[in-house]
Amino acid sequence: MESGGRDGIEALLHWPGKAADMEIERETVVEAAVSFVAVLVFIGAVALVGMEFQTNGGISETGGLAIVGAIVVFVFVMAGVGVWFASQE
């Protein structure tokens, strides 16, 4: 592989094409946006649970269960989104 005068790590990271000319497909943008929104909702849910179930600088047992529930729901939502994306092709 020709490094084009680059040394070290720059030679390994050099991509011969132009990144600015690369077009991103609409489906990829939609998938990224849906995933990003799902992660934001999950972070918001965990923050909300943390604020609502806070006791003496910690979190109550009910809050712990609520966080576990939020994690489980997030996993199922992301799995559902993945199945939906796969069926779109």
PDB file of N, CA and C in Angstrom:
ATOM      1  N   MET A   1       0.848  -1.178   0.000  1.00  0.00           N
ATOM      2  CA  MET A   1       0.000   0.000   0.000  1.00  0.00           C
ATOM      3  C   MET A   1       0.886   1.231   0.000  1.00  0.00           C
ATOM      4  N   GLU A   2       0.615   2.125  -0.882  1.00  0.00           N
ATOM      5  CA  GLU A   2       1.409   3.338  -0.976  1.00  0.00           C
ATOM      6  C   GLU A   2       0.955   4.325   0.076  1.00  0.00           C
ATOM      7  N   SER A   3       1.917   4.885   0.799  1.00  0.00           N
ATOM      8  CA  SER A   3       1.563   5.790   1.887  1.00  0.00           C
ATOM      9  C   SER A   3       1.453   7.230   1.432  1.00  0.00           C
ATOM     10  N   GLY A   4       1.889   7.533   0.230  1.00  0.00           N
ATOM     11  CA  GLY A   4       1.775   8.898  -0.269  1.00  0.00           C
ATOM     12  C   GLY A   4       2.593   9.885   0.541  1.00  0.00           C
ATOM     13  N   GLY A   5       3.751   9.452   1.059  1.00  0.00           N
ATOM     14  CA  GLY A   5       4.607  10.339   1.827  1.00  0.00           C
ATOM     15  C   GLY A   5       4.232  10.434   3.295  1.00  0.00           C
ATOM     16  N   ARG A   6       3.295   9.635   3.739  1.00  0.00           N
ATOM     17  CA  ARG A   6       2.882   9.668   5.143  1.00  0.00           C
ATOM     18  C   ARG A   6       3.696   8.651   5.923  1.00  0.00           C
ATOM     19  N   ASP A   7       3.957   8.967   7.168  1.00  0.00           N
ATOM     20  CA  ASP A   7       4.713   8.066   8.025  1.00  0.00           C
ATOM     21  C   ASP A   7       3.848   7.606   9.186  1.00  0.00           C
ATOM     22  N   GLY A   8       4.189   6.460   9.736  1.00  0.00           N
ATOM     23  CA  GLY A   8       3.551   5.974  10.953  1.00  0.00           C
ATOM     24  C   GLY A   8       2.074   5.701  10.790  1.00  0.00           C
ATOM     25  N   ILE A   9       1.309   6.131  11.768  1.00  0.00           N
ATOM     26  CA  ILE A   9      -0.122   5.839  11.820  1.00  0.00           C
ATOM     27  C   ILE A   9      -0.879   6.530  10.695  1.00  0.00           C
ATOM     28  N   GLU A  10      -0.391   7.658  10.227  1.00  0.00           N
ATOM     29  CA  GLU A  10      -1.059   8.356   9.130  1.00  0.00           C
ATOM     30  C   GLU A  10      -1.097   7.496   7.875  1.00  0.00           C
ATOM     31  N   ALA A  11      -0.052   6.713   7.645  1.00  0.00           N
ATOM     32  CA  ALA A  11      -0.019   5.837   6.476  1.00  0.00           C
ATOM     33  C   ALA A  11      -1.074   4.745   6.602  1.00  0.00           C
ATOM     34  N   LEU A  12      -1.318   4.267   7.820  1.00  0.00           N
ATOM     35  CA  LEU A  12      -2.312   3.220   8.024  1.00  0.00           C
ATOM     36  C   LEU A  12      -3.733   3.754   7.916  1.00  0.00           C
ATOM     37  N   LEU A  13      -3.932   4.995   8.315  1.00  0.00           N
ATOM     38  CA  LEU A  13      -5.269   5.567   8.337  1.00  0.00           C
ATOM     39  C   LEU A  13      -5.670   6.233   7.028  1.00  0.00           C
ATOM     40  N   HIS A  14      -4.756   6.359   6.103  1.00  0.00           N
ATOM     41  CA  HIS A  14      -5.050   7.044   4.846  1.00  0.00           C
ATOM     42  C   HIS A  14      -6.063   6.251   4.032  1.00  0.00           C
ATOM     43  N   TRP A  15      -7.087   6.922   3.586  1.00  0.00           N
ATOM     44  CA  TRP A  15      -8.094   6.319   2.725  1.00  0.00           C
ATOM     45  C   TRP A  15      -7.960   6.960   1.359  1.00  0.00           C
ATOM     46  N   PRO A  16      -7.785   6.166   0.312  1.00  0.00           N
ATOM     47  CA  PRO A  16      -7.517   6.749  -1.000  1.00  0.00           C
ATOM     48  C   PRO A  16      -8.681   7.541  -1.589  1.00  0.00           C
ATOM     49  N   GLY A  17      -9.908   7.278  -1.172  1.00  0.00           N
ATOM     50  CA  GLY A  17     -11.057   8.001  -1.714  1.00  0.00           C
ATOM     51  C   GLY A  17     -11.298   9.302  -0.979  1.00  0.00           C
ATOM     52  N   LYS A  18     -12.239  10.055  -1.481  1.00  0.00           N
ATOM     53  CA  LYS A  18     -12.598  11.317  -0.840  1.00  0.00           C
ATOM     54  C   LYS A  18     -13.816  11.079   0.047  1.00  0.00           C
ATOM     55  N   ALA A  19     -13.688  11.353   1.318  1.00  0.00           N
ATOM     56  CA  ALA A  19     -14.795  11.150   2.246  1.00  0.00           C
ATOM     57  C   ALA A  19     -15.906  12.162   2.008  1.00  0.00           C
ATOM     58  N   ALA A  20     -15.568  13.343   1.538  1.00  0.00           N
ATOM     59  CA  ALA A  20     -16.569  14.387   1.338  1.00  0.00           C
ATOM     60  C   ALA A  20     -17.533  14.029   0.206  1.00  0.00           C
ATOM     61  N   ASP A  21     -17.098  13.204  -0.728  1.00  0.00           N
ATOM     62  CA  ASP A  21     -17.939  12.834  -1.856  1.00  0.00           C
ATOM     63  C   ASP A  21     -18.817  11.618  -1.569  1.00  0.00           C
ATOM     64  N   MET A  22     -18.657  11.023  -0.400  1.00  0.00           N
ATOM     65  CA  MET A  22     -19.403   9.820  -0.075  1.00  0.00           C
ATOM     66  C   MET A  22     -20.858  10.176   0.239  1.00  0.00           C
ATOM     67  N   GLU A  23     -21.771   9.503  -0.439  1.00  0.00           N
ATOM     68  CA  GLU A  23     -23.186   9.729  -0.186  1.00  0.00           C
ATOM     69  C   GLU A  23     -23.690   8.675   0.793  1.00  0.00           C
ATOM     70  N   ILE A  24     -24.477   9.116   1.743  1.00  0.00           N
ATOM     71  CA  ILE A  24     -25.041   8.207   2.729  1.00  0.00           C
ATOM     72  C   ILE A  24     -26.471   7.899   2.301  1.00  0.00           C
ATOM     73  N   GLU A  25     -26.807   6.621   2.301  1.00  0.00           N
ATOM     74  CA  GLU A  25     -28.149   6.227   1.901  1.00  0.00           C
ATOM     75  C   GLU A  25     -29.168   6.682   2.940  1.00  0.00           C
ATOM     76  N   ARG A  26     -30.372   6.939   2.480  1.00  0.00           N
ATOM     77  CA  ARG A  26     -31.445   7.401   3.356  1.00  0.00           C
ATOM     78  C   ARG A  26     -31.726   6.382   4.455  1.00  0.00           C
ATOM     79  N   GLU A  27     -31.705   5.099   4.121  1.00  0.00           N
ATOM     80  CA  GLU A  27     -31.978   4.050   5.106  1.00  0.00           C
ATOM     81  C   GLU A  27     -30.970   4.087   6.251  1.00  0.00           C
ATOM     82  N   THR A  28     -29.726   4.343   5.931  1.00  0.00           N
ATOM     83  CA  THR A  28     -28.687   4.402   6.956  1.00  0.00           C
ATOM     84  C   THR A  28     -28.931   5.568   7.900  1.00  0.00           C
ATOM     85  N   VAL A  29     -29.331   6.693   7.352  1.00  0.00           N
ATOM     86  CA  VAL A  29     -29.621   7.868   8.179  1.00  0.00           C
ATOM     87  C   VAL A  29     -30.819   7.594   9.084  1.00  0.00           C
ATOM     88  N   VAL A  30     -31.848   6.961   8.547  1.00  0.00           N
ATOM     89  CA  VAL A  30     -33.036   6.643   9.348  1.00  0.00           C
ATOM     90  C   VAL A  30     -32.676   5.671  10.462  1.00  0.00           C
ATOM     91  N   GLU A  31     -31.898   4.643  10.152  1.00  0.00           N
ATOM     92  CA  GLU A  31     -31.488   3.676  11.172  1.00  0.00           C
ATOM     93  C   GLU A  31     -30.682   4.348  12.280  1.00  0.00           C
ATOM     94  N   ALA A  32     -29.767   5.207  11.895  1.00  0.00           N
ATOM     95  CA  ALA A  32     -28.950   5.905  12.891  1.00  0.00           C
ATOM     96  C   ALA A  32     -29.809   6.831  13.746  1.00  0.00           C
ATOM     97  N   ALA A  33     -30.739   7.530  13.123  1.00  0.00           N
ATOM     98  CA  ALA A  33     -31.599   8.459  13.863  1.00  0.00           C
ATOM     99  C   ALA A  33     -32.504   7.716  14.843  1.00  0.00           C
ATOM    100  N   VAL A  34     -33.100   6.620  14.400  1.00  0.00           N
ATOM    101  CA  VAL A  34     -33.979   5.846  15.282  1.00  0.00           C
ATOM    102  C   VAL A  34     -33.179   5.283  16.456  1.00  0.00           C
ATOM    103  N   SER A  35     -32.009   4.775  16.190  1.00  0.00           N
ATOM    104  CA  SER A  35     -31.165   4.236  17.258  1.00  0.00           C
ATOM    105  C   SER A  35     -30.747   5.330  18.229  1.00  0.00           C
ATOM    106  N   PHE A  36     -30.395   6.487  17.705  1.00  0.00           N
ATOM    107  CA  PHE A  36     -29.983   7.611  18.544  1.00  0.00           C
ATOM    108  C   PHE A  36     -31.130   8.060  19.447  1.00  0.00           C
ATOM    109  N   VAL A  37     -32.328   8.164  18.888  1.00  0.00           N
ATOM    110  CA  VAL A  37     -33.493   8.569  19.678  1.00  0.00           C
ATOM    111  C   VAL A  37     -33.800   7.525  20.750  1.00  0.00           C
ATOM    112  N   ALA A  38     -33.692   6.250  20.399  1.00  0.00           N
ATOM    113  CA  ALA A  38     -33.952   5.191  21.380  1.00  0.00           C
ATOM    114  C   ALA A  38     -32.963   5.260  22.537  1.00  0.00           C
ATOM    115  N   VAL A  39     -31.713   5.529  22.241  1.00  0.00           N
ATOM    116  CA  VAL A  39     -30.706   5.647  23.301  1.00  0.00           C
ATOM    117  C   VAL A  39     -30.994   6.871  24.169  1.00  0.00           C
ATOM    118  N   LEU A  40     -31.374   7.983  23.557  1.00  0.00           N
ATOM    119  CA  LEU A  40     -31.718   9.178  24.339  1.00  0.00           C
ATOM    120  C   LEU A  40     -32.913   8.928  25.254  1.00  0.00           C
ATOM    121  N   VAL A  41     -33.918   8.223  24.745  1.00  0.00           N
ATOM    122  CA  VAL A  41     -35.088   7.901  25.571  1.00  0.00           C
ATOM    123  C   VAL A  41     -34.674   7.001  26.733  1.00  0.00           C
ATOM    124  N   PHE A  42     -33.802   6.036  26.469  1.00  0.00           N
ATOM    125  CA  PHE A  42     -33.321   5.151  27.531  1.00  0.00           C
ATOM    126  C   PHE A  42     -32.566   5.938  28.598  1.00  0.00           C
ATOM    127  N   ILE A  43     -31.681   6.820  28.174  1.00  0.00           N
ATOM    128  CA  ILE A  43     -30.925   7.636  29.137  1.00  0.00           C
ATOM    129  C   ILE A  43     -31.882   8.506  29.947  1.00  0.00           C
ATOM    130  N   GLY A  44     -32.875   9.080  29.281  1.00  0.00           N
ATOM    131  CA  GLY A  44     -33.872   9.880  29.985  1.00  0.00           C
ATOM    132  C   GLY A  44     -34.664   9.057  30.988  1.00  0.00           C
ATOM    133  N   ALA A  45     -35.024   7.834  30.608  1.00  0.00           N
ATOM    134  CA  ALA A  45     -35.783   6.967  31.512  1.00  0.00           C
ATOM    135  C   ALA A  45     -34.959   6.607  32.741  1.00  0.00           C
ATOM    136  N   VAL A  46     -33.698   6.288  32.544  1.00  0.00           N
ATOM    137  CA  VAL A  46     -32.836   5.947  33.681  1.00  0.00           C
ATOM    138  C   VAL A  46     -32.641   7.169  34.582  1.00  0.00           C
ATOM    139  N   ALA A  47     -32.466   8.336  33.988  1.00  0.00           N
ATOM    140  CA  ALA A  47     -32.313   9.560  34.785  1.00  0.00           C
ATOM    141  C   ALA A  47     -33.595   9.856  35.565  1.00  0.00           C
ATOM    142  N   LEU A  48     -34.738   9.685  34.921  1.00  0.00           N
ATOM    143  CA  LEU A  48     -36.017   9.924  35.590  1.00  0.00           C
ATOM    144  C   LEU A  48     -36.216   8.955  36.752  1.00  0.00           C
ATOM    145  N   VAL A  49     -35.918   7.698  36.530  1.00  0.00           N
ATOM    146  CA  VAL A  49     -36.039   6.705  37.604  1.00  0.00           C
ATOM    147  C   VAL A  49     -35.091   7.065  38.744  1.00  0.00           C
ATOM    148  N   GLY A  50     -33.888   7.467  38.407  1.00  0.00           N
ATOM    149  CA  GLY A  50     -32.923   7.846  39.436  1.00  0.00           C
ATOM    150  C   GLY A  50     -33.393   9.021  40.271  1.00  0.00           C
ATOM    151  N   MET A  51     -34.044   9.978  39.639  1.00  0.00           N
ATOM    152  CA  MET A  51     -34.538  11.144  40.376  1.00  0.00           C
ATOM    153  C   MET A  51     -35.780  10.809  41.204  1.00  0.00           C
ATOM    154  N   GLU A  52     -36.659   9.997  40.649  1.00  0.00           N
ATOM    155  CA  GLU A  52     -37.921   9.691  41.327  1.00  0.00           C
ATOM    156  C   GLU A  52     -37.746   8.749  42.515  1.00  0.00           C
ATOM    157  N   PHE A  53     -36.797   7.845  42.445  1.00  0.00           N
ATOM    158  CA  PHE A  53     -36.642   6.828  43.483  1.00  0.00           C
ATOM    159  C   PHE A  53     -35.404   7.053  44.344  1.00  0.00           C
ATOM    160  N   GLN A  54     -34.916   8.270  44.389  1.00  0.00           N
ATOM    161  CA  GLN A  54     -33.728   8.589  45.182  1.00  0.00           C
ATOM    162  C   GLN A  54     -34.089   8.679  46.662  1.00  0.00           C
ATOM    163  N   THR A  55     -33.290   8.009  47.496  1.00  0.00           N
ATOM    164  CA  THR A  55     -33.480   8.079  48.946  1.00  0.00           C
ATOM    165  C   THR A  55     -32.120   8.150  49.619  1.00  0.00           C
ATOM    166  N   ASN A  56     -31.901   9.166  50.400  1.00  0.00           N
ATOM    167  CA  ASN A  56     -30.663   9.331  51.173  1.00  0.00           C
ATOM    168  C   ASN A  56     -29.402   9.182  50.319  1.00  0.00           C
ATOM    169  N   GLY A  57     -29.386   9.802  49.175  1.00  0.00           N
ATOM    170  CA  GLY A  57     -28.210   9.758  48.314  1.00  0.00           C
ATOM    171  C   GLY A  57     -28.065   8.476  47.520  1.00  0.00           C
ATOM    172  N   GLY A  58     -28.990   7.565  47.663  1.00  0.00           N
ATOM    173  CA  GLY A  58     -28.948   6.304  46.918  1.00  0.00           C
ATOM    174  C   GLY A  58     -30.250   6.102  46.179  1.00  0.00           C
ATOM    175  N   ILE A  59     -30.508   4.876  45.830  1.00  0.00           N
ATOM    176  CA  ILE A  59     -31.748   4.558  45.126  1.00  0.00           C
ATOM    177  C   ILE A  59     -32.445   3.433  45.885  1.00  0.00           C
ATOM    178  N   SER A  60     -33.755   3.507  45.951  1.00  0.00           N
ATOM    179  CA  SER A  60     -34.512   2.504  46.704  1.00  0.00           C
ATOM    180  C   SER A  60     -34.568   1.182  45.935  1.00  0.00           C
ATOM    181  N   GLU A  61     -35.065   0.148  46.615  1.00  0.00           N
ATOM    182  CA  GLU A  61     -35.204  -1.155  45.961  1.00  0.00           C
ATOM    183  C   GLU A  61     -36.165  -1.071  44.783  1.00  0.00           C
ATOM    184  N   THR A  62     -37.226  -0.329  44.964  1.00  0.00           N
ATOM    185  CA  THR A  62     -38.191  -0.155  43.877  1.00  0.00           C
ATOM    186  C   THR A  62     -37.543   0.558  42.694  1.00  0.00           C
ATOM    187  N   GLY A  63     -36.692   1.531  42.994  1.00  0.00           N
ATOM    188  CA  GLY A  63     -35.968   2.227  41.932  1.00  0.00           C
ATOM    189  C   GLY A  63     -35.022   1.301  41.191  1.00  0.00           C
ATOM    190  N   GLY A  64     -34.386   0.409  41.932  1.00  0.00           N
ATOM    191  CA  GLY A  64     -33.506  -0.572  41.295  1.00  0.00           C
ATOM    192  C   GLY A  64     -34.270  -1.467  40.339  1.00  0.00           C
ATOM    193  N   LEU A  65     -35.445  -1.901  40.773  1.00  0.00           N
ATOM    194  CA  LEU A  65     -36.284  -2.713  39.890  1.00  0.00           C
ATOM    195  C   LEU A  65     -36.745  -1.908  38.675  1.00  0.00           C
ATOM    196  N   ALA A  66     -37.033  -0.631  38.889  1.00  0.00           N
ATOM    197  CA  ALA A  66     -37.451   0.215  37.772  1.00  0.00           C
ATOM    198  C   ALA A  66     -36.318   0.383  36.760  1.00  0.00           C
ATOM    199  N   ILE A  67     -35.091   0.502  37.236  1.00  0.00           N
ATOM    200  CA  ILE A  67     -33.950   0.613  36.317  1.00  0.00           C
ATOM    201  C   ILE A  67     -33.758  -0.691  35.551  1.00  0.00           C
ATOM    202  N   VAL A  68     -33.879  -1.813  36.247  1.00  0.00           N
ATOM    203  CA  VAL A  68     -33.785  -3.108  35.559  1.00  0.00           C
ATOM    204  C   VAL A  68     -34.895  -3.219  34.516  1.00  0.00           C
ATOM    205  N   GLY A  69     -36.092  -2.768  34.878  1.00  0.00           N
ATOM    206  CA  GLY A  69     -37.198  -2.771  33.920  1.00  0.00           C
ATOM    207  C   GLY A  69     -36.908  -1.897  32.715  1.00  0.00           C
ATOM    208  N   ALA A  70     -36.307  -0.731  32.949  1.00  0.00           N
ATOM    209  CA  ALA A  70     -35.959   0.163  31.839  1.00  0.00           C
ATOM    210  C   ALA A  70     -34.930  -0.494  30.924  1.00  0.00           C
ATOM    211  N   ILE A  71     -33.982  -1.198  31.509  1.00  0.00           N
ATOM    212  CA  ILE A  71     -32.968  -1.892  30.704  1.00  0.00           C
ATOM    213  C   ILE A  71     -33.618  -2.991  29.867  1.00  0.00           C
ATOM    214  N   VAL A  72     -34.508  -3.761  30.484  1.00  0.00           N
ATOM    215  CA  VAL A  72     -35.187  -4.848  29.764  1.00  0.00           C
ATOM    216  C   VAL A  72     -36.032  -4.284  28.624  1.00  0.00           C
ATOM    217  N   VAL A  73     -36.773  -3.225  28.900  1.00  0.00           N
ATOM    218  CA  VAL A  73     -37.593  -2.602  27.853  1.00  0.00           C
ATOM    219  C   VAL A  73     -36.706  -2.080  26.728  1.00  0.00           C
ATOM    220  N   PHE A  74     -35.586  -1.465  27.077  1.00  0.00           N
ATOM    221  CA  PHE A  74     -34.663  -0.952  26.065  1.00  0.00           C
ATOM    222  C   PHE A  74     -34.145  -2.082  25.178  1.00  0.00           C
ATOM    223  N   VAL A  75     -33.773  -3.192  25.783  1.00  0.00           N
ATOM    224  CA  VAL A  75     -33.262  -4.327  25.000  1.00  0.00           C
ATOM    225  C   VAL A  75     -34.335  -4.837  24.045  1.00  0.00           C
ATOM    226  N   PHE A  76     -35.569  -4.979  24.538  1.00  0.00           N
ATOM    227  CA  PHE A  76     -36.639  -5.461  23.667  1.00  0.00           C
ATOM    228  C   PHE A  76     -36.984  -4.452  22.571  1.00  0.00           C
ATOM    229  N   VAL A  77     -36.968  -3.178  22.899  1.00  0.00           N
ATOM    230  CA  VAL A  77     -37.239  -2.156  21.881  1.00  0.00           C
ATOM    231  C   VAL A  77     -36.163  -2.184  20.800  1.00  0.00           C
ATOM    232  N   MET A  78     -34.905  -2.261  21.207  1.00  0.00           N
ATOM    233  CA  MET A  78     -33.828  -2.289  20.217  1.00  0.00           C
ATOM    234  C   MET A  78     -33.878  -3.566  19.381  1.00  0.00           C
ATOM    235  N   ALA A  79     -34.250  -4.686  19.998  1.00  0.00           N
ATOM    236  CA  ALA A  79     -34.403  -5.929  19.235  1.00  0.00           C
ATOM    237  C   ALA A  79     -35.550  -5.794  18.232  1.00  0.00           C
ATOM    238  N   GLY A  80     -36.644  -5.198  18.666  1.00  0.00           N
ATOM    239  CA  GLY A  80     -37.770  -4.970  17.762  1.00  0.00           C
ATOM    240  C   GLY A  80     -37.414  -4.045  16.616  1.00  0.00           C
ATOM    241  N   VAL A  81     -36.670  -3.002  16.922  1.00  0.00           N
ATOM    242  CA  VAL A  81     -36.226  -2.081  15.874  1.00  0.00           C
ATOM    243  C   VAL A  81     -35.318  -2.811  14.889  1.00  0.00           C
ATOM    244  N   GLY A  82     -34.442  -3.659  15.398  1.00  0.00           N
ATOM    245  CA  GLY A  82     -33.566  -4.432  14.523  1.00  0.00           C
ATOM    246  C   GLY A  82     -34.340  -5.364  13.607  1.00  0.00           C
ATOM    247  N   VAL A  83     -35.348  -6.023  14.155  1.00  0.00           N
ATOM    248  CA  VAL A  83     -36.188  -6.908  13.338  1.00  0.00           C
ATOM    249  C   VAL A  83     -36.942  -6.093  12.294  1.00  0.00           C
ATOM    250  N   TRP A  84     -37.442  -4.939  12.700  1.00  0.00           N
ATOM    251  CA  TRP A  84     -38.166  -4.081  11.759  1.00  0.00           C
ATOM    252  C   TRP A  84     -37.248  -3.607  10.635  1.00  0.00           C
ATOM    253  N   PHE A  85     -36.025  -3.186  10.989  1.00  0.00           N
ATOM    254  CA  PHE A  85     -35.071  -2.759   9.960  1.00  0.00           C
ATOM    255  C   PHE A  85     -34.745  -3.909   9.010  1.00  0.00           C
ATOM    256  N   ALA A  86     -34.577  -5.103   9.551  1.00  0.00           N
ATOM    257  CA  ALA A  86     -34.245  -6.257   8.712  1.00  0.00           C
ATOM    258  C   ALA A  86     -35.388  -6.603   7.763  1.00  0.00           C
ATOM    259  N   SER A  87     -36.619  -6.382   8.196  1.00  0.00           N
ATOM    260  CA  SER A  87     -37.762  -6.712   7.338  1.00  0.00           C
ATOM    261  C   SER A  87     -38.009  -5.651   6.270  1.00  0.00           C
ATOM    262  N   GLN A  88     -37.365  -4.506   6.372  1.00  0.00           N
ATOM    263  CA  GLN A  88     -37.555  -3.427   5.403  1.00  0.00           C
ATOM    264  C   GLN A  88     -36.844  -3.690   4.088  1.00  0.00           C
ATOM    265  N   GLU A  89     -35.907  -4.595   4.062  1.00  0.00           N
ATOM    266  CA  GLU A  89     -35.122  -4.833   2.835  1.00  0.00           C
ATOM    267  C   GLU A  89     -35.845  -5.652   1.832  1.00  0.00           C
TER     268      GLU A  89
END
